Amino acid sequence: MLKGVNRQVVEVAETGSDYFEKALFFVNPKYYGMTDGKLRERAQSLMGSAGAPPRVRNIKKRSKVRVAIEIAASAAAGAILTLITSSIL
């Protein structure tokens, strides 16, 4: 989401990367006076040093049996707590 309308943005459509199609750079207000060519040149050099995105960790998938055991254990614990509290009252 962009806030405000007075933002200068440099769009790099050809990143030279298999991973990224397009990049947007939001220019710091103190550099608004720089020429478009200089800003694009700086953006291209940053894209060249970007490299590959970080690898996503695989979240360990739980087996259906384990999930069923966890649900059964939770239900049993709830039943035991209900029994204990109802016998006390």
Protein backbone atom coordinates (compact mmCIF):
# COMPACT_ATOMS: atom_id res chain seq x y z
CA MET A 1 0.00 0.00 0.00
CA LEU A 2 1.31 3.42 -0.96
CA LYS A 3 0.65 6.31 1.32
CA GLY A 4 0.69 9.74 -0.23
CA VAL A 5 0.95 10.65 -3.85
CA ASN A 6 4.30 12.43 -3.96
CA ARG A 7 6.50 9.37 -4.28
CA GLN A 8 9.06 8.84 -7.00
CA VAL A 9 9.29 5.21 -8.08
CA VAL A 10 11.76 3.50 -10.39
CA GLU A 11 10.41 0.35 -12.03
CA VAL A 12 12.89 -2.18 -13.36
CA ALA A 13 11.03 -4.46 -15.77
CA GLU A 14 14.03 -6.43 -17.02
CA THR A 15 15.77 -7.71 -13.93
CA GLY A 16 18.06 -10.22 -15.61
CA SER A 17 16.96 -12.81 -13.08
CA ASP A 18 15.01 -16.00 -13.51
CA TYR A 19 13.44 -15.43 -10.12
CA PHE A 20 12.14 -11.86 -10.43
CA GLU A 21 10.01 -10.39 -13.22
CA LYS A 22 9.87 -6.82 -12.03
CA ALA A 23 11.22 -4.66 -9.19
CA LEU A 24 10.01 -1.38 -7.75
CA PHE A 25 12.38 1.03 -6.03
CA PHE A 26 10.98 3.89 -3.98
CA VAL A 27 13.36 6.83 -4.21
CA ASN A 28 14.46 8.56 -1.04
CA PRO A 29 13.16 12.18 -1.15
CA LYS A 30 16.66 13.62 -0.83
CA TYR A 31 17.54 12.04 -4.21
CA TYR A 32 14.51 13.32 -6.15
CA GLY A 33 16.77 15.72 -8.04
CA MET A 34 18.89 12.96 -9.58
CA THR A 35 18.42 12.25 -13.25
CA ASP A 36 16.26 9.36 -14.33
CA GLY A 37 19.24 7.68 -15.96
CA LYS A 38 21.31 7.77 -12.75
CA LEU A 39 18.43 6.36 -10.70
CA ARG A 40 17.82 3.57 -13.22
CA GLU A 41 21.54 2.78 -13.32
CA ARG A 42 21.66 2.49 -9.53
CA ALA A 43 18.51 0.34 -9.50
CA GLN A 44 19.98 -1.99 -12.16
CA SER A 45 23.20 -2.40 -10.16
CA LEU A 46 21.19 -3.29 -7.06
CA MET A 47 19.20 -5.85 -9.06
CA GLY A 48 22.43 -7.38 -10.30
CA SER A 49 23.57 -7.97 -6.74
CA ALA A 50 20.21 -9.28 -5.51
CA GLY A 51 20.85 -12.95 -6.31
CA ALA A 52 18.38 -15.74 -5.69
CA PRO A 53 15.60 -15.47 -3.12
CA PRO A 54 16.12 -17.34 0.15
CA ARG A 55 15.03 -20.95 0.26
CA VAL A 56 11.75 -21.68 1.96
CA ARG A 57 11.96 -24.14 4.80
CA ASN A 58 9.77 -27.16 4.42
CA ILE A 59 7.41 -27.45 7.33
CA LYS A 60 7.37 -31.01 8.55
CA LYS A 61 4.06 -32.55 7.62
CA ARG A 62 2.35 -34.57 10.29
CA SER A 63 0.94 -37.92 9.30
CA LYS A 64 -2.80 -38.53 9.53
CA VAL A 65 -2.22 -41.14 12.22
CA ARG A 66 -0.30 -38.67 14.37
CA VAL A 67 -3.01 -36.04 13.95
CA ALA A 68 -5.68 -38.60 14.92
CA ILE A 69 -3.69 -39.58 18.03
CA GLU A 70 -3.26 -35.91 19.03
CA ILE A 71 -7.01 -35.27 18.63
CA ALA A 72 -7.88 -38.40 20.62
CA ALA A 73 -5.43 -37.45 23.37
CA SER A 74 -6.87 -33.94 23.55
CA ALA A 75 -10.41 -35.29 23.74
CA ALA A 76 -9.41 -37.76 26.46
CA ALA A 77 -7.69 -35.01 28.46
CA GLY A 78 -10.79 -32.82 28.14
CA ALA A 79 -13.03 -35.68 29.26
CA ILE A 80 -10.82 -36.40 32.27
CA LEU A 81 -10.75 -32.74 33.29
CA THR A 82 -14.54 -32.54 32.94
CA LEU A 83 -14.95 -35.66 35.08
CA ILE A 84 -12.61 -34.34 37.75
CA THR A 85 -14.20 -30.90 37.92
CA SER A 86 -17.76 -32.29 37.92
CA SER A 87 -16.97 -34.74 40.74
CA ILE A 88 -15.44 -31.95 42.84
CA LEU A 89 -18.48 -29.70 42.48
